[in-house]
Amino acid sequence: MPFAIPYSATAPTREEIDARRGLLLLDFGANWCGHCQAAQEPVDAALAAHPDLPHLRVEDGPGRPLGRSFRVKLWPTLILLRDGQELERLVRPTEATAVAQFLARYLPAV
């Protein structure tokens, strides 16, 4: 299944992420990753309830400094940040309800 929004090979620096104000959802993975492809629909479905939440799909892998700085080990890994600080992470989500519950701890549904 092709990605509606693919993982971007161009990533912000860790300094740019740390300087961001407000909430941000980082979504680390790879376009060829089967786990990432399977998670796309559940992640997108859960994010539909939070249209104002900034969401960056970032391609990860060897030599990718942003993923290494967050110690990402498995894909996909969702990391919710507030003002550049990690609030929580969710690894390899398979159901929209798991992603929705993860987000609901910090965001009201629309």
Protein backbone atom coordinates (compact mmCIF):
# COMPACT_ATOMS: atom_id res chain seq x y z
CA MET A 1 0.00 0.00 0.00
CA PRO A 2 1.56 3.35 -0.97
CA PHE A 3 1.76 6.02 1.68
CA ALA A 4 -0.70 8.90 1.52
CA ILE A 5 1.97 10.93 3.31
CA PRO A 6 5.35 9.21 2.91
CA TYR A 7 8.18 9.37 5.41
CA SER A 8 10.30 12.38 4.49
CA ALA A 9 14.01 11.89 3.87
CA THR A 10 14.50 15.55 4.83
CA ALA A 11 14.31 15.86 8.59
CA PRO A 12 14.60 18.84 10.88
CA THR A 13 17.59 18.93 13.19
CA ARG A 14 17.29 17.98 16.84
CA GLU A 15 17.94 21.62 17.70
CA GLU A 16 14.96 22.68 15.55
CA ILE A 17 12.74 20.08 17.23
CA ASP A 18 13.90 21.11 20.71
CA ALA A 19 13.15 24.78 19.91
CA ARG A 20 9.57 24.14 18.71
CA ARG A 21 6.79 25.41 20.93
CA GLY A 22 3.58 23.51 21.45
CA LEU A 23 2.73 19.93 20.61
CA LEU A 24 4.33 17.93 17.81
CA LEU A 25 3.95 14.29 16.82
CA LEU A 26 7.07 12.75 15.31
CA ASP A 27 6.44 9.53 13.37
CA PHE A 28 9.67 7.63 12.65
CA GLY A 29 9.74 4.86 10.07
CA ALA A 30 10.63 3.94 6.50
CA ASN A 31 8.54 3.85 3.34
CA TRP A 32 9.55 0.25 2.58
CA CYS A 33 8.81 -1.01 6.14
CA GLY A 34 5.87 -3.40 6.36
CA HIS A 35 5.13 -2.45 9.98
CA CYS A 36 5.06 1.22 8.94
CA GLN A 37 2.74 0.51 6.02
CA ALA A 38 0.39 -1.46 8.30
CA ALA A 39 0.36 1.34 10.89
CA GLN A 40 -0.37 4.17 8.46
CA GLU A 41 -4.14 3.71 8.34
CA PRO A 42 -4.59 3.40 12.15
CA VAL A 43 -2.34 6.41 12.76
CA ASP A 44 -4.12 8.53 10.15
CA ALA A 45 -7.53 7.48 11.50
CA ALA A 46 -6.60 8.51 15.04
CA LEU A 47 -5.07 11.79 13.85
CA ALA A 48 -8.32 12.71 12.10
CA ALA A 49 -9.68 13.66 15.55
CA HIS A 50 -6.76 16.08 16.02
CA PRO A 51 -6.45 18.07 12.77
CA ASP A 52 -4.45 20.86 14.46
CA LEU A 53 -1.74 18.55 15.80
CA PRO A 54 1.46 19.02 13.77
CA HIS A 55 2.60 15.59 12.52
CA LEU A 56 5.95 14.89 10.88
CA ARG A 57 6.67 11.55 9.24
CA VAL A 58 10.44 11.25 9.33
CA GLU A 59 12.39 8.59 7.48
CA ASP A 60 14.68 6.80 9.89
CA GLY A 61 17.57 4.41 9.49
CA PRO A 62 21.33 4.08 9.91
CA GLY A 63 23.04 7.44 9.84
CA ARG A 64 19.83 9.39 10.45
CA PRO A 65 20.71 11.68 13.36
CA LEU A 66 17.20 12.68 14.45
CA GLY A 67 16.04 9.12 15.05
CA ARG A 68 19.30 8.28 16.81
CA SER A 69 18.94 11.31 19.08
CA PHE A 70 15.56 9.94 20.21
CA ARG A 71 16.96 6.40 20.49
CA VAL A 72 14.42 4.98 18.06
CA LYS A 73 14.89 1.21 17.83
CA LEU A 74 11.75 -0.09 16.11
CA TRP A 75 9.50 1.32 13.40
CA PRO A 76 7.13 2.93 13.41
CA THR A 77 7.73 4.89 16.58
CA LEU A 78 5.44 7.79 17.42
CA ILE A 79 6.85 10.38 19.81
CA LEU A 80 4.62 13.12 21.18
CA LEU A 81 6.50 16.26 22.20
CA ARG A 82 5.49 19.45 23.99
CA ASP A 83 7.87 22.39 23.69
CA GLY A 84 10.57 20.02 22.41
CA GLN A 85 10.28 17.64 25.36
CA GLU A 86 9.11 14.06 24.97
CA LEU A 87 5.80 13.35 26.68
CA GLU A 88 5.36 9.76 25.60
CA ARG A 89 6.05 7.33 22.76
CA LEU A 90 4.12 4.54 21.11
CA VAL A 91 5.97 1.80 19.24
CA ARG A 92 4.46 -0.26 16.41
CA PRO A 93 0.82 0.67 16.80
CA THR A 94 -1.54 -1.70 15.02
CA GLU A 95 -4.95 -0.28 15.92
CA ALA A 96 -6.44 3.19 15.71
CA THR A 97 -7.81 2.80 19.24
CA ALA A 98 -4.28 2.41 20.64
CA VAL A 99 -3.14 5.57 18.85
CA ALA A 100 -6.30 7.43 19.90
CA GLN A 101 -5.78 6.46 23.55
CA PHE A 102 -2.13 7.52 23.33
CA LEU A 103 -3.13 10.96 21.97
CA ALA A 104 -6.14 11.35 24.29
CA ARG A 105 -3.87 11.44 27.33
CA TYR A 106 -2.63 14.85 26.11
CA LEU A 107 -5.20 16.16 23.62
CA PRO A 108 -8.96 16.61 23.72
CA ALA A 109 -10.79 15.00 20.78
CA VAL A 110 -12.46 17.37 18.34
